[in-house]
């Protein structure tokens, strides 16, 4: 149960930052359903800096996953943490290259930025790699 005070504080923070809390797609009802379990556990492992095997996703599925994470501003953190993990716990090389570029962009804000992975835009259909 959410109190009126916490709703007011949340709305004030959202107003000040210009961010719509409803627009951050990690939880909630459709269209913001929860992430699939493997991706949610992988994200939690990175945030806790506890190495675990990366989910077996196609590049398209990785693209969609990163698209969901973009509004949360965690690309640089993902690159930093995953870069120190063992090779078998990291995503594919294309994903790591993209995250490393985003880490550099965060470190040097004067450089031009591209937040679209080089392997192309997401489509509505993506499947988990076997």
Protein backbone atom coordinates (compact mmCIF):
# COMPACT_ATOMS: atom_id res chain seq x y z
CA UNK A 1 0.00 0.00 0.00
CA UNK A 2 1.34 3.40 -1.00
CA UNK A 3 0.70 6.28 1.36
CA UNK A 4 -0.46 9.68 0.17
CA UNK A 5 2.84 11.16 1.39
CA UNK A 6 4.98 8.78 -0.68
CA UNK A 7 2.80 9.44 -3.75
CA UNK A 8 3.27 13.18 -3.25
CA UNK A 9 7.05 12.84 -2.81
CA UNK A 10 7.26 10.61 -5.89
CA UNK A 11 5.25 13.05 -7.99
CA UNK A 12 7.39 15.99 -6.80
CA UNK A 13 10.62 14.15 -7.63
CA UNK A 14 9.28 13.20 -11.05
CA UNK A 15 8.16 16.80 -11.66
CA UNK A 16 11.55 18.25 -10.66
CA UNK A 17 13.56 15.82 -12.76
CA UNK A 18 11.20 15.93 -15.74
CA UNK A 19 10.99 12.14 -15.77
CA UNK A 20 7.71 10.29 -15.83
CA UNK A 21 7.93 7.42 -13.34
CA UNK A 22 5.41 5.56 -15.47
CA UNK A 23 7.80 5.81 -18.43
CA UNK A 24 10.57 3.73 -16.82
CA UNK A 25 9.76 0.25 -18.15
CA UNK A 26 11.05 -2.32 -15.66
CA UNK A 27 7.89 -3.03 -13.71
CA UNK A 28 4.16 -2.51 -13.71
CA UNK A 29 1.22 -3.55 -15.78
CA UNK A 30 1.20 -3.73 -19.55
CA UNK A 31 2.91 -2.21 -21.49
CA UNK A 32 5.53 -2.13 -18.69
CA UNK A 33 5.47 -5.78 -17.65
CA UNK A 34 8.35 -7.20 -15.64
CA UNK A 35 11.48 -8.32 -17.42
CA UNK A 36 11.79 -12.06 -18.06
CA UNK A 37 13.42 -13.84 -15.10
CA UNK A 38 16.79 -14.47 -16.78
CA UNK A 39 17.22 -10.80 -17.67
CA UNK A 40 16.03 -9.53 -14.31
CA UNK A 41 18.43 -11.88 -12.47
CA UNK A 42 21.26 -10.87 -14.79
CA UNK A 43 20.61 -7.18 -14.15
CA UNK A 44 20.45 -7.77 -10.38
CA UNK A 45 23.76 -9.66 -10.54
CA UNK A 46 25.43 -6.73 -12.32
CA UNK A 47 24.02 -4.23 -9.83
CA UNK A 48 25.31 -6.39 -6.96
CA UNK A 49 28.60 -7.07 -8.81
CA UNK A 50 28.10 -10.82 -8.42
CA UNK A 51 29.31 -12.58 -11.59
CA UNK A 52 26.90 -15.04 -13.17
CA UNK A 53 26.49 -16.43 -16.66
CA UNK A 54 24.94 -13.96 -19.09
CA UNK A 55 21.52 -14.93 -20.46
CA UNK A 56 21.69 -16.81 -23.77
CA UNK A 57 20.01 -14.21 -25.99
CA UNK A 58 20.18 -13.42 -29.68
CA UNK A 59 21.64 -10.04 -30.64
CA UNK A 60 18.09 -8.86 -31.32
CA UNK A 61 16.99 -9.86 -27.80
CA UNK A 62 20.06 -8.11 -26.35
CA UNK A 63 19.04 -5.01 -28.31
CA UNK A 64 15.54 -5.08 -26.83
CA UNK A 65 16.95 -5.64 -23.33
CA UNK A 66 19.30 -2.67 -23.69
CA UNK A 67 16.45 -0.55 -25.09
CA UNK A 68 14.50 -1.21 -21.89
CA UNK A 69 17.50 -0.22 -19.77
CA UNK A 70 18.30 2.99 -21.70
CA UNK A 71 16.00 5.33 -19.69
CA UNK A 72 17.60 4.12 -16.47
CA UNK A 73 21.09 5.32 -17.45
CA UNK A 74 22.94 2.13 -16.51
CA UNK A 75 24.97 1.51 -19.69
CA UNK A 76 28.21 2.86 -18.19
CA UNK A 77 27.73 0.82 -15.01
CA UNK A 78 27.05 -2.32 -17.04
CA UNK A 79 30.22 -1.77 -19.08
CA UNK A 80 32.32 -1.12 -15.99
CA UNK A 81 31.08 -4.11 -14.00
CA UNK A 82 30.86 -6.60 -16.88
CA UNK A 83 34.33 -5.62 -18.10
CA UNK A 84 35.83 -6.96 -14.87
CA UNK A 85 33.88 -10.23 -14.96
CA UNK A 86 35.22 -13.50 -16.40
CA UNK A 87 34.76 -13.93 -20.15
CA UNK A 88 32.12 -16.66 -19.75
CA UNK A 89 29.93 -14.30 -17.67
CA UNK A 90 29.87 -11.50 -20.25
CA UNK A 91 27.39 -10.88 -23.07
CA UNK A 92 28.52 -11.35 -26.70
CA UNK A 93 31.43 -9.22 -27.97
CA UNK A 94 29.10 -6.95 -30.01
CA UNK A 95 27.11 -6.10 -26.88
CA UNK A 96 30.27 -5.49 -24.83
CA UNK A 97 31.67 -3.21 -27.57
CA UNK A 98 28.46 -1.16 -27.53
CA UNK A 99 28.52 -0.91 -23.72
CA UNK A 100 32.20 0.09 -23.73
CA UNK A 101 31.42 2.89 -26.21
CA UNK A 102 28.60 4.09 -23.96
CA UNK A 103 30.98 4.01 -20.99
CA UNK A 104 33.42 6.21 -22.92
CA UNK A 105 30.62 8.59 -23.90
CA UNK A 106 29.61 8.90 -20.24
CA UNK A 107 33.24 9.62 -19.31
CA UNK A 108 33.68 12.22 -22.07
CA UNK A 109 30.40 14.12 -22.47
CA UNK A 110 31.77 16.37 -25.21
CA UNK A 111 32.06 13.51 -27.71
CA UNK A 112 29.20 12.67 -30.13
CA UNK A 113 26.89 9.95 -28.83
CA UNK A 114 25.04 7.13 -30.52
CA UNK A 115 22.88 4.94 -28.35
CA UNK A 116 21.73 2.60 -31.12
CA UNK A 117 23.73 -0.64 -31.16
CA UNK A 118 25.61 -1.21 -34.44
CA UNK A 119 23.88 -4.53 -35.10
CA UNK A 120 20.63 -2.73 -35.93
CA UNK A 121 17.28 -1.68 -34.51
CA UNK A 122 15.00 -3.91 -32.47
CA UNK A 123 12.07 -5.68 -34.07
CA UNK A 124 8.92 -7.02 -32.48
CA UNK A 125 10.08 -10.63 -32.72
CA UNK A 126 13.18 -11.82 -30.96
CA UNK A 127 13.93 -15.19 -29.55
CA UNK A 128 16.29 -16.58 -26.99
CA UNK A 129 19.30 -18.18 -28.63
CA UNK A 130 19.52 -21.95 -28.14
